[in-house]
Amino acid sequence: MNDRFQGLLKNLNALLNSIHAPILKRLNKGITTEDASRVFGDLQFPEEVFQLYNWHNGMALEEKGKIGEFWLFSLGAILPAEMAMKIYKMKVGNDKYWDIDKFPLFESRGGEYFLIDIDKNRETYGMIFLYSVGAVDFEVIISMYDSLESLFETIIRCFQQGAYFYNHITKTLGFNPDLERAIVRKYNPRADYWKIV
């Protein structure tokens, strides 16, 4: 177990509770590592993926609501394990940009996905990639976060420093793009996306 990542999940949970984040009502209960393994089959993930699903098995994405009501971070809603596996099976082999070693963990609900690299032989193993068919600054897929750990560190820092905030009237996530960019760059120095925006 990655104790640092476990601590980040605990800290984020406390932070979301302290600000009465509307997203807390959207989060599903966590599932065991054994249950997650049954869903994922033979796929090999960094241990943080299992910790993520122990924490929460995604969000109730089948519910109605505005897109931003489901975002934990900018454009990011956690996919339930079963839904993530279904999307993975649908995309791999049918999309020239989505290879077998990229697995979806988050989605925007508007067509973008955040994929984790699960190829242990790549130096990008564990990095989070943005998949966006409508992208104009890059060709569909680009590294966006150095790891799940750095993503969650980024989320916490963004809330603490005011780059992320919830609008309690609309129940949606708001963000300050300039402040977010500065924070994300600090905690994700390897990610290519933040070098071009």
Foldseek 3Di string as FASTA:
>chain_A
DPVLLLVLLVVLVVVCVVQVQLLVVFFAAADALVVLCVLVPPQAADVVLRVVRNHTQWTPVVDDADLQLQALDVLWGFHGSNVQSVVLVVDDPPPPVRHNQWTFGTGSVPAKTWTAGRDPPDPQHQFIKIADPPDDQDHRIWTQASHPSLVSVLSVVCVVVVQWDADVVRSGIDGDVVVSLVSRCVSGVPTPVSVRD
